[in-house]
PDB file of N, CA and C in Angstrom:
ATOM      1  N   MET A   1       0.786  -0.876   0.150  1.00  0.00           N
ATOM      2  CA  MET A   1      -0.097  -0.036   0.023  1.00  0.00           C
ATOM      3  C   MET A   1       1.129   1.278   0.356  1.00  0.00           C
ATOM      4  N   ARG A   2       0.047   2.454  -0.329  1.00  0.00           N
ATOM      5  CA  ARG A   2       0.540   3.620  -0.799  1.00  0.00           C
ATOM      6  C   ARG A   2       0.406   4.504  -0.090  1.00  0.00           C
ATOM      7  N   TRP A   3       0.590   5.363   0.999  1.00  0.00           N
ATOM      8  CA  TRP A   3       0.004   7.009   1.456  1.00  0.00           C
ATOM      9  C   TRP A   3       0.526   7.919   1.230  1.00  0.00           C
ATOM     10  N   ASN A   4      -0.845   8.444   0.704  1.00  0.00           N
ATOM     11  CA  ASN A   4      -0.533  10.156   0.240  1.00  0.00           C
ATOM     12  C   ASN A   4      -0.814  11.255   1.388  1.00  0.00           C
ATOM     13  N   GLU A   5       0.733  11.495   2.030  1.00  0.00           N
ATOM     14  CA  GLU A   5       0.104  12.818   2.609  1.00  0.00           C
ATOM     15  C   GLU A   5      -0.538  13.491   2.135  1.00  0.00           C
ATOM     16  N   GLU A   6      -0.413  13.922   0.537  1.00  0.00           N
ATOM     17  CA  GLU A   6      -1.227  15.370   0.615  1.00  0.00           C
ATOM     18  C   GLU A   6      -2.409  15.576   0.918  1.00  0.00           C
ATOM     19  N   THR A   7      -3.031  14.168   0.131  1.00  0.00           N
ATOM     20  CA  THR A   7      -4.710  13.599   0.363  1.00  0.00           C
ATOM     21  C   THR A   7      -5.129  13.306   1.484  1.00  0.00           C
ATOM     22  N   GLY A   8      -4.242  12.314   2.273  1.00  0.00           N
ATOM     23  CA  GLY A   8      -4.736  11.485   3.588  1.00  0.00           C
ATOM     24  C   GLY A   8      -5.088  10.301   3.093  1.00  0.00           C
ATOM     25  N   THR A   9      -4.741   9.824   1.727  1.00  0.00           N
ATOM     26  CA  THR A   9      -5.611   7.962   1.407  1.00  0.00           C
ATOM     27  C   THR A   9      -4.638   7.371   1.216  1.00  0.00           C
ATOM     28  N   ALA A  10      -4.825   6.282   1.265  1.00  0.00           N
ATOM     29  CA  ALA A  10      -4.222   5.207   0.661  1.00  0.00           C
ATOM     30  C   ALA A  10      -4.619   4.593  -0.242  1.00  0.00           C
ATOM     31  N   GLY A  11      -3.381   3.539  -1.528  1.00  0.00           N
ATOM     32  CA  GLY A  11      -3.832   3.313  -2.716  1.00  0.00           C
ATOM     33  C   GLY A  11      -3.123   2.235  -2.604  1.00  0.00           C
ATOM     34  N   VAL A  12      -3.350   1.436  -3.365  1.00  0.00           N
ATOM     35  CA  VAL A  12      -2.049   0.455  -4.421  1.00  0.00           C
ATOM     36  C   VAL A  12      -0.612   0.741  -4.657  1.00  0.00           C
ATOM     37  N   PHE A  13       0.493   0.244  -4.523  1.00  0.00           N
ATOM     38  CA  PHE A  13       1.646   0.684  -4.485  1.00  0.00           C
ATOM     39  C   PHE A  13       2.232   0.154  -5.828  1.00  0.00           C
ATOM     40  N   TYR A  14       2.346  -1.104  -5.229  1.00  0.00           N
ATOM     41  CA  TYR A  14       2.728  -2.372  -6.417  1.00  0.00           C
ATOM     42  C   TYR A  14       1.755  -3.589  -6.560  1.00  0.00           C
ATOM     43  N   HIS A  15       1.113  -3.458  -7.824  1.00  0.00           N
ATOM     44  CA  HIS A  15       0.533  -4.983  -7.942  1.00  0.00           C
ATOM     45  C   HIS A  15       0.868  -5.175  -9.427  1.00  0.00           C
ATOM     46  N   PRO A  16       1.071  -6.693 -10.066  1.00  0.00           N
ATOM     47  CA  PRO A  16       0.582  -7.690  -8.720  1.00  0.00           C
ATOM     48  C   PRO A  16       1.788  -7.708  -7.728  1.00  0.00           C
ATOM     49  N   SER A  17       1.216  -8.097  -6.604  1.00  0.00           N
ATOM     50  CA  SER A  17       2.223  -8.065  -5.284  1.00  0.00           C
ATOM     51  C   SER A  17       3.021  -9.843  -6.008  1.00  0.00           C
ATOM     52  N   ASN A  18       2.102 -10.481  -5.882  1.00  0.00           N
ATOM     53  CA  ASN A  18       2.410 -11.970  -6.105  1.00  0.00           C
ATOM     54  C   ASN A  18       2.849 -12.573  -4.352  1.00  0.00           C
ATOM     55  N   ASN A  19       1.999 -11.535  -3.922  1.00  0.00           N
ATOM     56  CA  ASN A  19       2.696 -12.197  -2.498  1.00  0.00           C
ATOM     57  C   ASN A  19       3.928 -11.586  -2.017  1.00  0.00           C
ATOM     58  N   ALA A  20       4.477 -10.467  -2.611  1.00  0.00           N
ATOM     59  CA  ALA A  20       5.787 -10.618  -2.047  1.00  0.00           C
ATOM     60  C   ALA A  20       6.585 -10.064  -0.449  1.00  0.00           C
ATOM     61  N   ASN A  21       7.497 -10.800  -0.050  1.00  0.00           N
ATOM     62  CA  ASN A  21       7.231 -10.480   1.122  1.00  0.00           C
ATOM     63  C   ASN A  21       8.563  -9.874   1.460  1.00  0.00           C
ATOM     64  N   GLY A  22       8.951  -8.957   0.293  1.00  0.00           N
ATOM     65  CA  GLY A  22      10.032  -8.359   0.857  1.00  0.00           C
ATOM     66  C   GLY A  22      10.195  -7.293  -0.718  1.00  0.00           C
ATOM     67  N   ILE A  23      10.653  -5.943  -0.545  1.00  0.00           N
ATOM     68  CA  ILE A  23      10.389  -4.891  -1.934  1.00  0.00           C
ATOM     69  C   ILE A  23      11.349  -3.975  -1.109  1.00  0.00           C
ATOM     70  N   LYS A  24      12.458  -3.870  -2.189  1.00  0.00           N
ATOM     71  CA  LYS A  24      13.938  -2.634  -1.720  1.00  0.00           C
ATOM     72  C   LYS A  24      14.099  -1.675  -3.443  1.00  0.00           C
ATOM     73  N   GLN A  25      14.386  -0.604  -3.568  1.00  0.00           N
ATOM     74  CA  GLN A  25      14.779  -0.547  -4.498  1.00  0.00           C
ATOM     75  C   GLN A  25      16.658  -0.349  -4.555  1.00  0.00           C
ATOM     76  N   ASP A  26      16.872  -0.902  -5.888  1.00  0.00           N
ATOM     77  CA  ASP A  26      18.028  -1.112  -6.258  1.00  0.00           C
ATOM     78  C   ASP A  26      18.894   0.340  -6.491  1.00  0.00           C
ATOM     79  N   CYS A  27      20.130   0.428  -6.902  1.00  0.00           N
ATOM     80  CA  CYS A  27      20.988   0.993  -7.403  1.00  0.00           C
ATOM     81  C   CYS A  27      20.080   2.131  -8.748  1.00  0.00           C
ATOM     82  N   LEU A  28      19.651   1.300  -9.481  1.00  0.00           N
ATOM     83  CA  LEU A  28      19.126   2.201 -10.592  1.00  0.00           C
ATOM     84  C   LEU A  28      18.003   2.677 -10.491  1.00  0.00           C
ATOM     85  N   ARG A  29      16.970   2.605  -9.015  1.00  0.00           N
ATOM     86  CA  ARG A  29      16.110   3.477  -8.421  1.00  0.00           C
ATOM     87  C   ARG A  29      14.387   2.109  -8.887  1.00  0.00           C
ATOM     88  N   PRO A  30      14.398   1.391  -9.683  1.00  0.00           N
ATOM     89  CA  PRO A  30      13.826   0.263  -9.341  1.00  0.00           C
ATOM     90  C   PRO A  30      13.345  -0.496  -8.287  1.00  0.00           C
ATOM     91  N   LEU A  31      11.978  -0.796  -8.029  1.00  0.00           N
ATOM     92  CA  LEU A  31      11.664  -1.928  -7.244  1.00  0.00           C
ATOM     93  C   LEU A  31      12.243  -3.492  -7.012  1.00  0.00           C
ATOM     94  N   VAL A  32      12.820  -3.760  -6.226  1.00  0.00           N
ATOM     95  CA  VAL A  32      12.692  -5.674  -6.320  1.00  0.00           C
ATOM     96  C   VAL A  32      12.425  -6.250  -5.725  1.00  0.00           C
ATOM     97  N   ALA A  33      11.462  -6.900  -5.975  1.00  0.00           N
ATOM     98  CA  ALA A  33      10.640  -7.965  -5.170  1.00  0.00           C
ATOM     99  C   ALA A  33      10.586  -9.017  -4.808  1.00  0.00           C
ATOM    100  N   TRP A  34      10.932  -9.731  -3.900  1.00  0.00           N
ATOM    101  CA  TRP A  34      10.816 -11.354  -3.936  1.00  0.00           C
ATOM    102  C   TRP A  34       9.651 -11.473  -3.653  1.00  0.00           C
ATOM    103  N   GLU A  35       9.379 -12.761  -4.370  1.00  0.00           N
ATOM    104  CA  GLU A  35       7.922 -12.635  -4.197  1.00  0.00           C
ATOM    105  C   GLU A  35       7.663 -14.320  -4.185  1.00  0.00           C
ATOM    106  N   LEU A  36       5.904 -14.566  -3.008  1.00  0.00           N
ATOM    107  CA  LEU A  36       6.874 -15.989  -2.853  1.00  0.00           C
ATOM    108  C   LEU A  36       5.753 -16.984  -4.296  1.00  0.00           C
ATOM    109  N   ASP A  37       4.583 -16.298  -4.527  1.00  0.00           N
ATOM    110  CA  ASP A  37       3.768 -17.411  -5.245  1.00  0.00           C
ATOM    111  C   ASP A  37       4.453 -17.766  -6.518  1.00  0.00           C
ATOM    112  N   THR A  38       5.063 -16.920  -7.141  1.00  0.00           N
ATOM    113  CA  THR A  38       6.127 -17.084  -8.575  1.00  0.00           C
ATOM    114  C   THR A  38       7.280 -17.851  -8.171  1.00  0.00           C
ATOM    115  N   ARG A  39       7.857 -17.144  -6.937  1.00  0.00           N
ATOM    116  CA  ARG A  39       9.113 -18.363  -6.412  1.00  0.00           C
ATOM    117  C   ARG A  39      10.161 -16.976  -7.017  1.00  0.00           C
ATOM    118  N   ARG A  40      10.304 -15.917  -7.481  1.00  0.00           N
ATOM    119  CA  ARG A  40      11.470 -15.770  -8.141  1.00  0.00           C
ATOM    120  C   ARG A  40      11.442 -14.465  -7.615  1.00  0.00           C
ATOM    121  N   ILE A  41      12.946 -13.780  -7.745  1.00  0.00           N
ATOM    122  CA  ILE A  41      12.915 -12.531  -7.730  1.00  0.00           C
ATOM    123  C   ILE A  41      13.093 -11.373  -9.045  1.00  0.00           C
ATOM    124  N   ARG A  42      12.347 -10.379  -9.095  1.00  0.00           N
ATOM    125  CA  ARG A  42      11.706  -9.867 -10.187  1.00  0.00           C
ATOM    126  C   ARG A  42      12.073  -8.099 -10.024  1.00  0.00           C
ATOM    127  N   ARG A  43      11.983  -7.327 -10.909  1.00  0.00           N
ATOM    128  CA  ARG A  43      12.558  -6.206 -11.087  1.00  0.00           C
ATOM    129  C   ARG A  43      11.772  -5.700 -11.140  1.00  0.00           C
ATOM    130  N   GLY A  44      10.835  -4.614 -11.077  1.00  0.00           N
ATOM    131  CA  GLY A  44       9.496  -3.309 -11.664  1.00  0.00           C
ATOM    132  C   GLY A  44      10.624  -2.258 -12.188  1.00  0.00           C
ATOM    133  N   GLU A  45      10.206  -2.175 -13.737  1.00  0.00           N
ATOM    134  CA  GLU A  45      10.806  -1.042 -14.039  1.00  0.00           C
ATOM    135  C   GLU A  45       9.717  -0.276 -14.480  1.00  0.00           C
ATOM    136  N   TYR A  46       9.512   0.902 -15.150  1.00  0.00           N
ATOM    137  CA  TYR A  46       8.906   1.611 -16.371  1.00  0.00           C
ATOM    138  C   TYR A  46       7.860   1.156 -17.304  1.00  0.00           C
ATOM    139  N   ASP A  47       8.721   0.887 -17.989  1.00  0.00           N
ATOM    140  CA  ASP A  47       8.373  -0.584 -18.704  1.00  0.00           C
ATOM    141  C   ASP A  47       7.575  -1.662 -19.224  1.00  0.00           C
ATOM    142  N   GLY A  48       7.411  -2.439 -17.774  1.00  0.00           N
ATOM    143  CA  GLY A  48       7.575  -3.521 -17.783  1.00  0.00           C
ATOM    144  C   GLY A  48       8.461  -4.514 -16.518  1.00  0.00           C
ATOM    145  N   THR A  49       8.710  -5.337 -16.332  1.00  0.00           N
ATOM    146  CA  THR A  49       9.133  -6.181 -15.188  1.00  0.00           C
ATOM    147  C   THR A  49      10.174  -6.964 -15.739  1.00  0.00           C
ATOM    148  N   THR A  50      11.129  -7.385 -15.287  1.00  0.00           N
ATOM    149  CA  THR A  50      12.347  -8.324 -15.550  1.00  0.00           C
ATOM    150  C   THR A  50      12.815  -9.326 -14.536  1.00  0.00           C
ATOM    151  N   VAL A  51      12.796 -10.943 -14.489  1.00  0.00           N
ATOM    152  CA  VAL A  51      12.250 -11.599 -13.832  1.00  0.00           C
ATOM    153  C   VAL A  51      14.282 -11.786 -13.312  1.00  0.00           C
ATOM    154  N   LEU A  52      14.887 -11.410 -12.580  1.00  0.00           N
ATOM    155  CA  LEU A  52      16.201 -11.182 -11.879  1.00  0.00           C
ATOM    156  C   LEU A  52      16.588 -12.835 -11.514  1.00  0.00           C
ATOM    157  N   MET A  53      15.795 -13.245 -11.104  1.00  0.00           N
ATOM    158  CA  MET A  53      16.615 -15.218 -10.277  1.00  0.00           C
ATOM    159  C   MET A  53      14.907 -16.015 -10.482  1.00  0.00           C
ATOM    160  N   ASP A  54      14.967 -17.222 -11.312  1.00  0.00           N
ATOM    161  CA  ASP A  54      13.459 -17.694 -10.937  1.00  0.00           C
ATOM    162  C   ASP A  54      14.112 -19.570 -10.663  1.00  0.00           C
ATOM    163  N   LYS A  55      15.599 -19.760 -10.587  1.00  0.00           N
ATOM    164  CA  LYS A  55      16.225 -21.206 -10.608  1.00  0.00           C
ATOM    165  C   LYS A  55      17.645 -21.148 -10.360  1.00  0.00           C
ATOM    166  N   PHE A  56      18.064 -21.855  -9.378  1.00  0.00           N
ATOM    167  CA  PHE A  56      19.297 -21.824  -8.774  1.00  0.00           C
ATOM    168  C   PHE A  56      20.204 -23.010  -9.322  1.00  0.00           C
ATOM    169  N   ASP A  57      20.392 -23.260  -9.638  1.00  0.00           N
ATOM    170  CA  ASP A  57      21.265 -24.391 -10.170  1.00  0.00           C
ATOM    171  C   ASP A  57      20.050 -25.714 -10.709  1.00  0.00           C
ATOM    172  N   GLY A  58      19.570 -25.084 -11.725  1.00  0.00           N
ATOM    173  CA  GLY A  58      18.789 -25.351 -12.603  1.00  0.00           C
ATOM    174  C   GLY A  58      16.746 -26.201 -11.629  1.00  0.00           C
ATOM    175  N   THR A  59      17.493 -25.684 -10.719  1.00  0.00           N
ATOM    176  CA  THR A  59      16.106 -25.833  -9.730  1.00  0.00           C
ATOM    177  C   THR A  59      15.072 -24.849  -9.625  1.00  0.00           C
ATOM    178  N   ARG A  60      13.877 -25.132  -8.944  1.00  0.00           N
ATOM    179  CA  ARG A  60      13.117 -23.643  -8.462  1.00  0.00           C
ATOM    180  C   ARG A  60      13.335 -23.130  -7.198  1.00  0.00           C
ATOM    181  N   CYS A  61      13.283 -21.517  -7.452  1.00  0.00           N
ATOM    182  CA  CYS A  61      13.499 -21.641  -6.339  1.00  0.00           C
ATOM    183  C   CYS A  61      12.811 -21.963  -5.148  1.00  0.00           C
ATOM    184  N   PRO A  62      12.873 -22.002  -3.773  1.00  0.00           N
ATOM    185  CA  PRO A  62      12.222 -22.579  -2.862  1.00  0.00           C
ATOM    186  C   PRO A  62      11.079 -21.532  -2.478  1.00  0.00           C
ATOM    187  N   THR A  63       9.803 -21.993  -1.938  1.00  0.00           N
ATOM    188  CA  THR A  63       8.667 -21.166  -1.680  1.00  0.00           C
ATOM    189  C   THR A  63       9.124 -20.394  -0.409  1.00  0.00           C
ATOM    190  N   THR A  64      10.000 -20.893   0.971  1.00  0.00           N
ATOM    191  CA  THR A  64      10.497 -20.463   1.695  1.00  0.00           C
ATOM    192  C   THR A  64      11.641 -20.125   2.288  1.00  0.00           C
ATOM    193  N   SER A  65      12.067 -18.923   3.010  1.00  0.00           N
ATOM    194  CA  SER A  65      13.089 -18.777   3.191  1.00  0.00           C
ATOM    195  C   SER A  65      13.494 -19.452   4.976  1.00  0.00           C
ATOM    196  N   LEU A  66      14.650 -19.422   5.103  1.00  0.00           N
ATOM    197  CA  LEU A  66      14.892 -20.093   6.422  1.00  0.00           C
ATOM    198  C   LEU A  66      15.308 -18.539   7.561  1.00  0.00           C
TER     199      LEU A  66
END
């Protein structure tokens, strides 16, 4: 969710979030999200998204973290 201090309203910040449990900005400013539903790490950009990782050593990323 996103809070707009000027209007006092909340709105959608990141959609679809795919049950993301962590969102961070990288050095280039786009958001990087760790998505549980899709089991991938994705970078959202103004013109779409880039999947940074969805496999490790040829297998799907785990659904849970330690």
